[in-house]
Amino acid sequence: MVQFLLGFIVLISLSLSAHAKSSCTDLPKDRWLSETVFKSQLAAQGYKIRKFKQPGTCYEIYGEDKSGKEVEIYFNPVTGSVVKAK
């Protein structure tokens, strides 16, 4: 029973992770913030972007937050809100 529950928890976690990556927005790209505007908004918030990606319907960054902590964050490209952070 314990193995079943652990397996179920892992499955749900993976499902939620995949969902977060694949469902940042349903709006077309012409409604998204431009990469330039988005990156400058993050810089104004103190983020240092080492790597920027656009996987599917999200903006994703790898870098540091204003306190210097390593981050990997998925953003809604329309609103700039955080969808998932590691």
Protein backbone atom coordinates (compact mmCIF):
# COMPACT_ATOMS: atom_id res chain seq x y z
CA MET A 1 0.00 0.00 0.00
CA VAL A 2 2.84 2.40 0.87
CA GLN A 3 4.55 1.71 -2.48
CA PHE A 4 1.28 2.39 -4.27
CA LEU A 5 0.86 5.72 -2.48
CA LEU A 6 4.43 6.75 -3.18
CA GLY A 7 4.02 5.83 -6.84
CA PHE A 8 0.79 7.79 -7.00
CA ILE A 9 2.42 10.86 -5.43
CA VAL A 10 5.32 10.70 -7.89
CA LEU A 11 2.91 10.36 -10.82
CA ILE A 12 0.85 13.35 -9.68
CA SER A 13 4.00 15.43 -9.14
CA LEU A 14 5.29 14.66 -12.62
CA SER A 15 1.91 15.41 -14.11
CA LEU A 16 1.71 18.79 -12.37
CA SER A 17 5.24 19.63 -13.45
CA ALA A 18 4.49 18.82 -17.08
CA HIS A 19 1.22 20.73 -16.86
CA ALA A 20 2.96 23.85 -15.54
CA LYS A 21 5.45 23.77 -18.41
CA SER A 22 2.86 23.21 -21.09
CA SER A 23 0.10 25.57 -19.99
CA CYS A 24 1.56 29.00 -19.29
CA THR A 25 -0.92 30.61 -21.67
CA ASP A 26 -3.42 29.79 -24.37
CA LEU A 27 -3.18 33.21 -25.98
CA PRO A 28 -1.49 33.72 -29.36
CA LYS A 29 2.08 35.05 -29.49
CA ASP A 30 0.96 38.47 -30.69
CA ARG A 31 -0.48 39.00 -27.17
CA TRP A 32 2.79 38.02 -25.43
CA LEU A 33 5.25 40.50 -23.93
CA SER A 34 8.20 40.90 -26.26
CA GLU A 35 11.36 39.16 -25.10
CA THR A 36 13.06 42.54 -24.77
CA VAL A 37 10.32 44.02 -22.58
CA PHE A 38 10.08 40.85 -20.51
CA LYS A 39 13.83 40.64 -19.92
CA SER A 40 14.05 44.32 -18.96
CA GLN A 41 11.17 43.87 -16.47
CA LEU A 42 13.06 40.97 -14.86
CA ALA A 43 16.29 42.98 -14.76
CA ALA A 44 14.41 45.80 -13.01
CA GLN A 45 13.28 43.24 -10.41
CA GLY A 46 16.92 42.25 -9.81
CA TYR A 47 17.11 39.02 -11.82
CA LYS A 48 20.30 38.13 -13.70
CA ILE A 49 19.45 35.97 -16.69
CA ARG A 50 22.11 33.48 -17.77
CA LYS A 51 19.88 31.55 -20.14
CA PHE A 52 16.50 32.45 -21.65
CA LYS A 53 14.23 29.91 -23.35
CA GLN A 54 10.78 29.87 -24.85
CA PRO A 55 9.61 26.25 -24.49
CA GLY A 56 6.08 25.85 -25.77
CA THR A 57 3.80 28.45 -24.24
CA CYS A 58 6.16 29.74 -21.51
CA TYR A 59 9.13 31.99 -21.04
CA GLU A 60 11.81 30.26 -18.97
CA ILE A 61 14.92 31.67 -17.35
CA TYR A 62 17.97 30.21 -15.65
CA GLY A 63 19.95 32.65 -13.57
CA GLU A 64 19.96 34.41 -10.22
CA ASP A 65 17.37 36.33 -8.23
CA LYS A 66 18.18 39.65 -6.54
CA SER A 67 19.68 37.83 -3.53
CA GLY A 68 22.04 35.81 -5.77
CA LYS A 69 20.11 32.55 -5.40
CA GLU A 70 20.16 30.22 -8.43
CA VAL A 71 16.73 30.04 -10.09
CA GLU A 72 14.90 28.22 -12.85
CA ILE A 73 11.55 29.90 -13.43
CA TYR A 74 8.71 29.46 -15.90
CA PHE A 75 6.68 32.59 -16.61
CA ASN A 76 3.36 33.34 -18.27
CA PRO A 77 4.58 35.30 -21.33
CA VAL A 78 1.43 37.46 -21.41
CA THR A 79 1.37 38.65 -17.80
CA GLY A 80 4.95 37.95 -16.72
CA SER A 81 3.66 36.07 -13.67
CA VAL A 82 5.53 33.06 -12.28
CA VAL A 83 3.97 29.74 -13.26
CA LYS A 84 6.62 27.48 -11.73
CA ALA A 85 9.90 28.06 -9.92
CA LYS A 86 12.63 25.63 -8.91
